[in-house]
Amino acid sequence: MVKKTLKIVLAFVLSNSMFSQQTSDVKLKEDSNPIIYIEGFGGPSVVKNVGVSGGVELNYQSGKSLFSFRYTNSAGYTRKSNIVIVFPAYYKSEDNSEYALLYGRRWLMDNHSYSVSTGISYNNLELAVKDIDGNRFAHYENFWAVPFEANYKWFYRKKKSKLIYNAMIPSVGVKLFGHIGTYSFAGVGVSVGFGLSKKY
């Protein structure tokens, strides 16, 4: 009778333990989410001349590895004349569109992250050049470059957003970006993003 009772108790304990483990596994799967987010960014930059840059970027993180696709448009401006009457006038002397694939590393904290990335990009550059008579015309160049960026980002510690199935969690950060190539450029600006910035 004692042996039979012990067997029943042991079977009950084992079944509860297995059920608890299965519940934990299910909860872990429910709590797990991919780290994927999209962001827009913009700020002052320098191509050949001082100007502004802006763009969008899609990011996916696996472990500490960060994979990104970035589109950036950069414009530089040149003063039309050295003579200033009231306000100086400028014209757009260069306009570059960059399509970049980057790989980097990203380190997560409770409510912020750091990342650095580099990769390869293809660029379409339009330059405003002058002929010997001083007339401006467009000159186009295509070239490959080595893009880079560094990010510092803040986001919610916990999942709080109610937008689009609780996945559109806002973030804000600072981005240093640019590329090294035939026409190198660098910029710094603010980034605003939405998505899953960490495991929630």
Protein backbone atom coordinates (compact mmCIF):
# COMPACT_ATOMS: atom_id res chain seq x y z
CA MET A 1 0.00 0.00 0.00
CA VAL A 2 2.85 2.39 0.88
CA LYS A 3 4.68 1.55 -2.36
CA LYS A 4 1.53 2.15 -4.37
CA THR A 5 0.97 5.51 -2.66
CA LEU A 6 4.59 6.54 -3.32
CA LYS A 7 4.22 5.61 -7.00
CA ILE A 8 1.05 7.74 -7.29
CA VAL A 9 2.73 10.73 -5.57
CA LEU A 10 5.86 10.39 -7.76
CA ALA A 11 3.76 10.18 -10.93
CA PHE A 12 1.81 13.29 -9.86
CA VAL A 13 5.00 15.28 -9.16
CA LEU A 14 6.57 14.27 -12.47
CA SER A 15 3.44 15.15 -14.46
CA ASN A 16 3.21 18.58 -12.77
CA SER A 17 6.90 19.19 -13.45
CA MET A 18 6.51 18.33 -17.14
CA PHE A 19 3.40 20.50 -17.42
CA SER A 20 5.21 23.38 -15.72
CA GLN A 21 8.15 23.00 -18.12
CA GLN A 22 5.81 22.98 -21.12
CA THR A 23 4.05 26.10 -19.78
CA SER A 24 7.42 27.84 -19.36
CA ASP A 25 8.45 26.89 -22.89
CA VAL A 26 5.17 28.21 -24.30
CA LYS A 27 5.53 31.45 -22.30
CA LEU A 28 9.12 31.85 -23.51
CA LYS A 29 7.94 31.48 -27.12
CA GLU A 30 5.15 33.98 -26.52
CA ASP A 31 7.53 36.49 -24.91
CA SER A 32 10.14 36.13 -27.66
CA ASN A 33 10.04 38.57 -30.56
CA PRO A 34 12.36 39.47 -33.44
CA ILE A 35 14.40 42.66 -33.05
CA ILE A 36 13.40 44.64 -36.12
CA TYR A 37 12.78 48.35 -36.49
CA ILE A 38 12.66 51.11 -39.09
CA GLU A 39 13.90 54.66 -38.63
CA GLY A 40 14.11 57.99 -40.38
CA PHE A 41 17.04 60.33 -39.84
CA GLY A 42 18.34 63.70 -40.94
CA GLY A 43 20.78 66.47 -40.17
CA PRO A 44 23.63 68.64 -41.47
CA SER A 45 26.29 67.03 -43.67
CA VAL A 46 29.26 67.78 -45.91
CA VAL A 47 29.71 66.26 -49.39
CA LYS A 48 31.83 68.73 -51.39
CA ASN A 49 29.97 71.60 -49.75
CA VAL A 50 27.97 71.98 -46.56
CA GLY A 51 24.36 70.86 -46.86
CA VAL A 52 21.78 68.50 -45.40
CA SER A 53 21.15 64.75 -45.51
CA GLY A 54 18.18 62.58 -44.71
CA GLY A 55 17.10 59.01 -45.18
CA VAL A 56 15.39 55.87 -43.97
CA GLU A 57 16.83 52.62 -42.65
CA LEU A 58 15.52 49.11 -41.95
CA ASN A 59 17.34 47.16 -39.22
CA TYR A 60 17.30 43.53 -38.09
CA GLN A 61 19.33 42.19 -35.15
CA SER A 62 20.35 38.57 -34.48
CA GLY A 63 22.39 38.09 -31.32
CA LYS A 64 24.68 41.12 -31.32
CA SER A 65 24.86 41.18 -35.14
CA LEU A 66 23.01 44.05 -36.83
CA PHE A 67 21.96 43.94 -40.50
CA SER A 68 20.76 47.16 -42.14
CA PHE A 69 19.52 48.54 -45.44
CA ARG A 70 19.93 52.33 -45.68
CA TYR A 71 18.80 54.91 -48.20
CA THR A 72 20.35 58.38 -47.86
CA ASN A 73 19.90 61.54 -49.90
CA SER A 74 22.56 64.21 -49.43
CA ALA A 75 22.57 67.71 -50.90
CA GLY A 76 25.28 70.36 -50.80
CA TYR A 77 24.82 74.07 -51.45
CA THR A 78 27.09 76.76 -52.89
CA ARG A 79 26.72 80.52 -52.65
CA LYS A 80 25.66 82.09 -55.96
CA SER A 81 27.76 85.20 -55.59
CA ASN A 82 30.34 86.65 -53.24
CA ILE A 83 28.35 89.87 -53.18
CA VAL A 84 25.84 89.88 -50.30
CA ILE A 85 23.10 92.49 -50.46
CA VAL A 86 20.73 91.40 -47.69
CA PHE A 87 20.77 87.61 -47.50
CA PRO A 88 23.23 85.38 -49.41
CA ALA A 89 21.68 83.22 -52.15
CA TYR A 90 22.63 79.56 -52.61
CA TYR A 91 22.09 76.90 -55.26
CA LYS A 92 22.22 73.10 -54.94
CA SER A 93 25.65 72.14 -56.25
CA GLU A 94 25.49 68.40 -55.53
CA ASP A 95 22.80 65.83 -54.89
CA ASN A 96 23.67 62.23 -54.02
CA SER A 97 21.41 59.19 -53.55
CA GLU A 98 22.99 56.28 -51.69
CA TYR A 99 21.74 52.68 -51.38
CA ALA A 100 23.69 50.83 -48.70
CA LEU A 101 23.88 47.38 -47.11
CA LEU A 102 25.58 47.40 -43.71
CA TYR A 103 26.67 44.88 -41.09
CA GLY A 104 27.60 45.82 -37.55
CA ARG A 105 27.34 45.12 -33.85
CA ARG A 106 24.67 46.38 -31.46
CA TRP A 107 24.78 46.35 -27.66
CA LEU A 108 21.50 46.54 -25.71
CA MET A 109 20.83 48.03 -22.29
CA ASP A 110 17.48 48.37 -20.48
CA ASN A 111 16.26 51.39 -22.42
CA HIS A 112 19.09 52.33 -24.80
CA SER A 113 21.54 50.81 -27.26
CA TYR A 114 24.84 51.46 -29.02
CA SER A 115 25.74 50.26 -32.51
CA VAL A 116 28.45 50.62 -35.16
CA SER A 117 28.17 49.39 -38.76
CA THR A 118 29.90 49.43 -42.12
CA GLY A 119 29.31 47.81 -45.50
CA ILE A 120 28.99 48.66 -49.19
CA SER A 121 26.88 51.23 -51.06
CA TYR A 122 26.01 52.29 -54.59
CA ASN A 123 25.71 56.02 -55.26
CA ASN A 124 24.08 58.23 -57.90
CA LEU A 125 25.64 61.71 -57.77
CA GLU A 126 24.46 64.80 -59.63
CA LEU A 127 26.91 67.71 -59.73
CA ALA A 128 26.22 71.26 -60.90
CA VAL A 129 29.30 72.35 -62.86
CA LYS A 130 30.08 75.50 -64.82
CA ASP A 131 31.49 75.84 -68.31
CA ILE A 132 33.97 78.50 -69.37
CA ASP A 133 31.11 80.97 -69.91
CA GLY A 134 29.82 80.48 -66.37
CA ASN A 135 26.75 78.51 -67.40
CA ARG A 136 25.74 75.71 -65.04
CA PHE A 137 24.85 72.22 -66.24
CA ALA A 138 24.34 68.85 -64.58
CA HIS A 139 27.07 66.21 -64.51
CA TYR A 140 26.21 62.67 -63.36
CA GLU A 141 28.48 60.07 -61.76
CA ASN A 142 27.86 56.58 -60.32
CA PHE A 143 30.29 55.00 -57.88
CA TRP A 144 30.68 52.41 -55.11
CA ALA A 145 31.63 53.42 -51.57
CA VAL A 146 32.12 52.12 -48.03
CA PRO A 147 29.28 53.42 -45.82
CA PHE A 148 29.56 53.72 -42.06
CA GLU A 149 27.43 54.77 -39.12
CA ALA A 150 27.34 54.89 -35.33
CA ASN A 151 24.11 55.11 -33.31
CA TYR A 152 22.98 55.85 -29.79
CA LYS A 153 19.28 55.15 -29.27
CA TRP A 154 16.70 55.43 -26.49
CA PHE A 155 13.48 53.38 -26.39
CA TYR A 156 10.84 52.06 -23.97
CA ARG A 157 12.10 49.57 -21.40
CA LYS A 158 8.80 47.68 -21.61
CA LYS A 159 6.31 47.15 -24.41
CA LYS A 160 3.78 49.97 -23.96
CA SER A 161 2.65 51.02 -27.41
CA LYS A 162 -0.85 50.05 -28.56
CA LEU A 163 -0.20 50.81 -32.23
CA ILE A 164 -0.39 48.04 -34.85
CA TYR A 165 -0.59 44.95 -32.62
CA ASN A 166 1.64 46.48 -29.96
CA ALA A 167 4.66 46.43 -32.28
CA MET A 168 5.08 50.11 -33.16
CA ILE A 169 7.22 51.17 -30.20
CA PRO A 170 8.83 54.60 -30.74
CA SER A 171 12.53 55.36 -30.28
CA VAL A 172 14.77 58.39 -30.68
CA GLY A 173 18.51 58.63 -31.12
CA VAL A 174 21.61 60.32 -32.48
CA LYS A 175 23.29 59.06 -35.66
CA LEU A 176 26.73 59.70 -37.15
CA PHE A 177 26.73 58.53 -40.78
CA GLY A 178 28.51 58.84 -44.11
CA HIS A 179 30.62 56.94 -46.61
CA ILE A 180 34.19 56.79 -47.91
CA GLY A 181 34.54 56.73 -51.69
CA THR A 182 35.14 58.82 -54.80
CA TYR A 183 33.08 61.59 -53.20
CA SER A 184 33.14 61.00 -49.43
CA PHE A 185 30.62 62.61 -47.14
CA ALA A 186 29.76 62.70 -43.44
CA GLY A 187 26.75 63.86 -41.47
CA VAL A 188 25.27 63.85 -38.01
CA GLY A 189 21.64 64.04 -37.07
CA VAL A 190 18.62 62.84 -35.12
CA SER A 191 16.90 59.52 -35.80
CA VAL A 192 13.29 58.63 -34.99
CA GLY A 193 12.22 55.00 -35.25
CA PHE A 194 9.38 52.55 -34.76
CA GLY A 195 9.50 48.82 -34.15
CA LEU A 196 10.85 46.23 -31.73
CA SER A 197 14.17 47.57 -30.44
CA LYS A 198 14.77 44.68 -27.98
CA LYS A 199 13.31 41.44 -26.64
CA TYR A 200 10.14 42.30 -24.73
